[in-house]
């Protein structure tokens, strides 16, 4: 099935049915398509873990290419993050796929529109969390990287408050805890409690359970950031 067999065998659905992502994969996978029952996928095009990971790799490549250079250290950081989420074997193969994707021109808007049309909102939030984590893994997010992530968020249809929340999990300032909950410092204690409950539901790992235990486990980090923000505000304000 070719060198990217783990992701194909692990389940690719709608990404193989055409569009810009299908075009990118067709270039990478080549003859492996001969072994895929496309008609079966058309009759059941639900999102699978492979679709999520391939979408992530293409968007990661767009972010990495944004400053005009791709460093070995960046690839190492990406692999480390992928190993944490998917294990050594899958991560190694994914980085190999990423290297091939980096050689191609990536139509960011078209790719994002395809992802938006096929991936539910909770999973798109998880994509944004991954992108920020990988971009910030070397200690900082460059202005070029931030610009591309901004565009990706817009094209994916991410709400401004949710984008600000996830960004604040990685780009810290004095109001980060409030921003994670989608609030400002002048929010009342009751507003904070209500916002926490809302975000805890929105970011709960069970929202992406259909993508497999690997992605669900990674989603716990985002969920934990919400809990930490709430606990920090509670401590500062002294309410139960």
Protein backbone atom coordinates (compact mmCIF):
# COMPACT_ATOMS: atom_id res chain seq x y z
CA UNK A 1 0.00 0.00 0.00
CA UNK A 2 3.03 2.28 -0.15
CA UNK A 3 5.07 4.17 2.38
CA UNK A 4 2.04 5.93 3.86
CA UNK A 5 0.12 2.74 4.42
CA UNK A 6 -0.52 3.31 8.12
CA UNK A 7 -2.68 6.35 7.46
CA UNK A 8 -4.49 4.75 4.52
CA UNK A 9 -5.07 1.50 6.35
CA UNK A 10 -6.00 3.44 9.46
CA UNK A 11 -8.85 5.05 7.59
CA UNK A 12 -9.08 7.84 5.05
CA UNK A 13 -12.54 8.99 4.08
CA UNK A 14 -13.56 12.30 2.51
CA UNK A 15 -9.99 13.51 1.87
CA UNK A 16 -9.75 10.98 -0.96
CA UNK A 17 -12.91 12.12 -2.70
CA UNK A 18 -11.37 15.07 -4.53
CA UNK A 19 -10.78 18.72 -3.82
CA UNK A 20 -7.39 20.28 -3.02
CA UNK A 21 -6.56 17.75 -0.29
CA UNK A 22 -7.32 14.83 -2.59
CA UNK A 23 -5.03 16.40 -5.16
CA UNK A 24 -2.18 16.70 -2.69
CA UNK A 25 -2.68 13.13 -1.50
CA UNK A 26 -2.90 11.81 -5.04
CA UNK A 27 0.56 13.19 -5.68
CA UNK A 28 1.94 11.63 -2.49
CA UNK A 29 0.25 8.24 -2.46
CA UNK A 30 0.19 7.51 -6.18
CA UNK A 31 -0.51 3.87 -6.96
CA UNK A 32 -1.88 3.23 -3.47
CA UNK A 33 -5.20 4.58 -4.78
CA UNK A 34 -5.52 1.40 -6.83
CA UNK A 35 -6.16 -0.56 -3.63
CA UNK A 36 -8.82 1.80 -2.27
CA UNK A 37 -12.52 1.18 -2.78
CA UNK A 38 -13.55 4.76 -3.57
CA UNK A 39 -17.20 3.80 -4.11
CA UNK A 40 -17.32 2.41 -0.59
CA UNK A 41 -15.92 5.69 0.74
CA UNK A 42 -18.53 7.67 -1.22
CA UNK A 43 -21.31 5.67 0.43
CA UNK A 44 -19.82 6.28 3.90
CA UNK A 45 -17.66 9.44 3.76
CA UNK A 46 -17.59 10.10 7.52
CA UNK A 47 -14.50 11.63 9.02
CA UNK A 48 -11.87 9.22 10.30
CA UNK A 49 -8.66 9.77 12.21
CA UNK A 50 -6.62 9.66 9.00
CA UNK A 51 -8.65 12.53 7.53
CA UNK A 52 -7.96 14.63 10.62
CA UNK A 53 -4.23 13.90 10.64
CA UNK A 54 -3.77 14.54 6.91
CA UNK A 55 -5.63 17.84 7.25
CA UNK A 56 -3.38 18.72 10.19
CA UNK A 57 -0.19 17.89 8.27
CA UNK A 58 -1.18 20.05 5.30
CA UNK A 59 -2.03 23.01 7.54
CA UNK A 60 1.16 22.50 9.57
CA UNK A 61 3.11 22.60 6.31
CA UNK A 62 1.42 25.89 5.39
CA UNK A 63 2.47 27.39 8.74
CA UNK A 64 6.03 26.08 8.46
CA UNK A 65 6.44 27.46 4.93
CA UNK A 66 5.10 30.89 5.93
CA UNK A 67 8.48 32.41 6.83
CA UNK A 68 10.18 31.12 3.69
CA UNK A 69 12.35 28.51 5.39
CA UNK A 70 11.84 25.11 6.98
CA UNK A 71 14.32 24.24 9.70
CA UNK A 72 15.34 20.78 10.83
CA UNK A 73 14.58 21.88 14.38
CA UNK A 74 11.01 22.64 13.32
CA UNK A 75 10.56 19.14 11.92
CA UNK A 76 11.96 17.72 15.16
CA UNK A 77 9.47 19.77 17.17
CA UNK A 78 6.60 18.62 14.96
CA UNK A 79 7.66 15.00 15.32
CA UNK A 80 7.90 15.33 19.10
CA UNK A 81 4.35 16.70 19.23
CA UNK A 82 3.05 13.97 16.94
CA UNK A 83 4.84 11.25 18.94
CA UNK A 84 3.11 12.54 22.08
CA UNK A 85 -0.28 12.25 20.37
CA UNK A 86 0.05 9.29 18.00
CA UNK A 87 3.08 7.22 19.01
CA UNK A 88 6.51 6.79 17.42
CA UNK A 89 5.54 4.61 14.45
CA UNK A 90 2.69 6.78 13.16
CA UNK A 91 4.58 10.00 13.95
CA UNK A 92 7.61 8.88 11.95
CA UNK A 93 5.44 8.11 8.95
CA UNK A 94 3.52 11.36 9.37
CA UNK A 95 6.74 13.41 9.36
CA UNK A 96 7.77 11.62 6.16
CA UNK A 97 4.45 12.64 4.63
CA UNK A 98 4.92 16.19 5.92
CA UNK A 99 8.30 16.47 4.20
CA UNK A 100 6.66 15.57 0.89
CA UNK A 101 3.80 18.00 1.47
CA UNK A 102 6.30 20.79 2.17
CA UNK A 103 7.58 20.44 -1.41
CA UNK A 104 4.20 21.36 -2.82
CA UNK A 105 2.27 24.56 -3.24
CA UNK A 106 -0.52 24.59 -0.65
CA UNK A 107 -3.73 26.46 -1.53
CA UNK A 108 -4.51 27.39 2.07
CA UNK A 109 -7.96 28.87 1.55
CA UNK A 110 -9.18 25.99 -0.64
CA UNK A 111 -7.82 23.37 1.77
CA UNK A 112 -9.48 25.09 4.73
CA UNK A 113 -12.79 25.37 2.93
CA UNK A 114 -12.71 21.62 2.25
CA UNK A 115 -11.87 20.91 5.89
CA UNK A 116 -14.64 23.21 7.09
CA UNK A 117 -17.17 21.44 4.89
CA UNK A 118 -16.27 17.98 6.19
CA UNK A 119 -14.97 18.34 9.75
CA UNK A 120 -17.19 19.24 12.71
CA UNK A 121 -16.54 22.36 14.74
CA UNK A 122 -15.04 20.61 17.79
CA UNK A 123 -12.48 18.88 15.57
CA UNK A 124 -11.63 22.15 13.84
CA UNK A 125 -10.98 23.68 17.28
CA UNK A 126 -8.63 20.79 17.99
CA UNK A 127 -6.82 21.46 14.71
CA UNK A 128 -6.24 25.06 15.81
CA UNK A 129 -4.92 23.87 19.16
CA UNK A 130 -2.44 21.57 17.42
CA UNK A 131 -1.31 24.35 15.06
CA UNK A 132 -0.63 26.78 17.89
CA UNK A 133 1.17 24.11 19.89
CA UNK A 134 3.47 23.20 17.02
CA UNK A 135 4.10 26.83 16.00
CA UNK A 136 4.98 27.74 19.59
CA UNK A 137 7.05 24.62 20.24
CA UNK A 138 10.34 26.40 19.48
CA UNK A 139 9.57 29.01 22.12
CA UNK A 140 7.86 31.68 20.06
CA UNK A 141 5.40 32.23 17.22
CA UNK A 142 6.77 34.41 14.43
CA UNK A 143 4.67 37.14 12.86
CA UNK A 144 4.55 35.18 9.59
CA UNK A 145 3.34 32.05 11.40
CA UNK A 146 0.76 34.08 13.31
CA UNK A 147 -0.52 35.61 10.08
CA UNK A 148 -1.05 32.22 8.46
CA UNK A 149 -2.73 30.81 11.57
CA UNK A 150 -5.03 33.85 11.61
CA UNK A 151 -6.04 33.12 8.00
CA UNK A 152 -6.50 29.41 8.67
CA UNK A 153 -8.78 30.19 11.59
CA UNK A 154 -10.87 32.53 9.45
CA UNK A 155 -11.15 30.07 6.56
CA UNK A 156 -12.04 27.23 8.95
CA UNK A 157 -14.93 29.29 10.28
CA UNK A 158 -13.60 29.52 13.84
CA UNK A 159 -15.49 32.03 15.96
CA UNK A 160 -13.43 34.98 17.16
CA UNK A 161 -13.98 34.23 20.84
CA UNK A 162 -12.89 30.61 20.41
CA UNK A 163 -9.82 31.64 18.44
CA UNK A 164 -8.86 34.15 21.13
CA UNK A 165 -9.38 31.46 23.78
CA UNK A 166 -7.06 28.95 22.12
CA UNK A 167 -4.47 31.60 21.25
CA UNK A 168 -4.36 32.68 24.90
CA UNK A 169 -3.46 29.12 25.90
CA UNK A 170 -0.13 29.65 24.10
CA UNK A 171 0.45 33.42 23.90
CA UNK A 172 0.37 34.51 27.53
CA UNK A 173 -0.41 37.97 28.87
CA UNK A 174 -1.91 39.36 32.08
CA UNK A 175 -5.46 38.66 30.90
CA UNK A 176 -4.83 35.18 29.44
CA UNK A 177 -6.93 33.30 32.00
CA UNK A 178 -9.93 35.50 31.25
CA UNK A 179 -9.41 35.28 27.49
CA UNK A 180 -9.29 31.48 27.64
CA UNK A 181 -12.79 31.62 29.14
CA UNK A 182 -13.85 34.17 26.54
CA UNK A 183 -14.12 36.99 29.11
CA UNK A 184 -12.57 40.29 30.15
CA UNK A 185 -11.33 41.18 33.62
CA UNK A 186 -14.49 43.13 34.44
CA UNK A 187 -16.64 39.96 34.28
CA UNK A 188 -18.63 39.16 37.42
CA UNK A 189 -18.06 36.00 39.45
CA UNK A 190 -21.31 34.56 38.11
CA UNK A 191 -20.32 35.34 34.52
CA UNK A 192 -17.02 33.56 35.12
CA UNK A 193 -18.74 30.45 36.47
CA UNK A 194 -21.16 30.36 33.53
CA UNK A 195 -18.35 30.88 31.01
CA UNK A 196 -16.32 28.08 32.58
CA UNK A 197 -19.21 25.61 32.33
CA UNK A 198 -19.78 26.59 28.71
CA UNK A 199 -16.12 26.22 27.75
CA UNK A 200 -15.76 22.98 29.70
CA UNK A 201 -18.55 21.49 27.58
CA UNK A 202 -17.24 22.95 24.31
CA UNK A 203 -13.66 21.74 24.86
CA UNK A 204 -14.45 18.38 26.47
CA UNK A 205 -12.29 15.57 24.98
CA UNK A 206 -15.39 13.45 24.31
CA UNK A 207 -16.27 15.91 21.54
CA UNK A 208 -13.53 14.37 19.37
CA UNK A 209 -13.77 10.78 20.63
CA UNK A 210 -14.78 9.60 17.15
CA UNK A 211 -11.30 10.50 15.91
CA UNK A 212 -9.78 7.86 18.18
CA UNK A 213 -8.09 7.69 21.55
CA UNK A 214 -4.94 9.44 20.26
CA UNK A 215 -6.71 12.66 19.32
CA UNK A 216 -9.00 12.46 22.34
CA UNK A 217 -5.96 12.20 24.61
CA UNK A 218 -4.40 15.25 22.94
CA UNK A 219 -7.67 17.16 23.42
CA UNK A 220 -7.31 16.74 27.18
CA UNK A 221 -4.52 19.33 27.12
CA UNK A 222 -6.91 21.97 25.79
CA UNK A 223 -9.53 20.95 28.35
CA UNK A 224 -6.93 21.19 31.12
CA UNK A 225 -6.04 24.74 30.07
CA UNK A 226 -9.67 25.76 30.63
CA UNK A 227 -9.64 24.18 34.10
CA UNK A 228 -6.34 25.86 34.98
CA UNK A 229 -7.62 29.26 33.85
CA UNK A 230 -10.74 28.91 35.98
CA UNK A 231 -8.79 27.77 39.04
CA UNK A 232 -6.37 30.68 38.68
CA UNK A 233 -9.21 33.22 38.52
CA UNK A 234 -10.95 31.56 41.49
CA UNK A 235 -7.77 31.83 43.53
CA UNK A 236 -7.22 35.47 42.57
CA UNK A 237 -10.81 36.44 43.38
CA UNK A 238 -11.28 34.12 46.34
CA UNK A 239 -14.64 32.60 45.39
CA UNK A 240 -15.68 28.95 45.57
